[in-house]
Protein backbone atom coordinates (compact mmCIF):
# COMPACT_ATOMS: atom_id res chain seq x y z
CA MET A 1 -53.59 88.40 118.28
CA PRO A 2 -52.62 91.96 119.35
CA PRO A 3 -51.94 92.73 123.04
CA ALA A 4 -54.86 94.09 125.10
CA ASP A 5 -53.43 97.64 125.17
CA ASP A 6 -53.13 97.77 121.36
CA PRO A 7 -55.95 99.82 119.74
CA GLU A 8 -56.13 97.16 117.00
CA VAL A 9 -57.61 94.73 119.54
CA TYR A 10 -61.08 96.24 118.96
CA SER A 11 -61.04 95.60 115.23
CA PHE A 12 -59.67 92.11 115.87
CA ALA A 13 -62.60 91.48 118.26
CA GLN A 14 -64.99 93.07 115.73
CA ILE A 15 -66.35 95.54 118.30
CA PRO A 16 -66.24 99.36 118.30
CA PRO A 17 -63.67 101.03 120.56
CA PRO A 18 -65.04 102.69 123.72
CA ALA A 19 -66.15 106.31 123.41
CA VAL A 20 -63.69 108.93 124.54
CA PRO A 21 -64.99 110.39 127.82
CA GLY A 22 -65.92 114.03 127.61
CA ALA A 23 -65.57 116.75 130.19
CA VAL A 24 -68.52 116.92 132.56
CA PRO A 25 -69.14 119.98 134.72
CA PRO A 26 -68.88 119.51 138.49
CA PRO A 27 -71.89 117.98 140.27
CA GLY A 28 -74.68 120.19 141.56
CA THR A 29 -75.04 121.31 145.15
CA PRO A 30 -77.00 118.82 147.29
CA PHE A 31 -80.14 120.08 149.06
CA ASP A 32 -83.12 118.74 151.03
CA PHE A 33 -80.97 116.67 153.39
CA ARG A 34 -82.67 113.94 155.43
CA THR A 35 -81.18 111.69 158.07
CA ALA A 36 -82.45 108.62 159.89
CA LEU A 37 -81.03 106.46 162.66
CA LEU A 38 -81.61 102.84 161.67
CA GLN A 39 -82.32 100.05 164.16
CA ASN A 40 -78.85 98.58 163.63
CA GLY A 41 -77.24 101.88 164.70
CA ALA A 42 -76.30 103.03 161.18
CA VAL A 43 -77.12 106.56 160.06
CA GLU A 44 -78.92 106.86 156.72
CA LEU A 45 -78.28 110.03 154.71
CA LYS A 46 -80.47 111.10 151.79
CA TRP A 47 -80.47 114.24 149.67
CA LYS A 48 -81.54 115.60 146.32
CA CYS A 49 -79.27 117.11 143.72
CA GLN A 50 -79.65 118.40 140.17
CA ASN A 51 -76.55 117.18 138.35
CA PRO A 52 -75.50 118.41 134.90
CA ALA A 53 -76.39 116.38 131.84
CA GLY A 54 -74.00 113.48 131.34
CA ALA A 55 -73.13 113.24 135.03
CA SER A 56 -74.79 109.89 135.64
CA GLY A 57 -73.23 107.79 138.34
CA THR A 58 -72.09 110.75 140.43
CA ILE A 59 -70.34 109.56 143.60
CA TYR A 60 -70.27 111.56 146.83
CA GLU A 61 -67.67 110.85 149.49
CA VAL A 62 -69.17 111.36 152.95
CA THR A 63 -66.78 111.49 155.88
CA ARG A 64 -67.31 112.12 159.53
């Protein structure tokens, strides 16, 4: 059996190799911000954003 980092492992497992990730443009600019103070003291942030096609799973890092 080939090692896990060997490209032959996919043919050995009889599965297609993963697709090569393509370049995705940067995420859109968030708008329509909403905030709420929850009963447990946490602050809830919500916004809308039109992201480019193929940008599913966009992650935003929010710091204070």
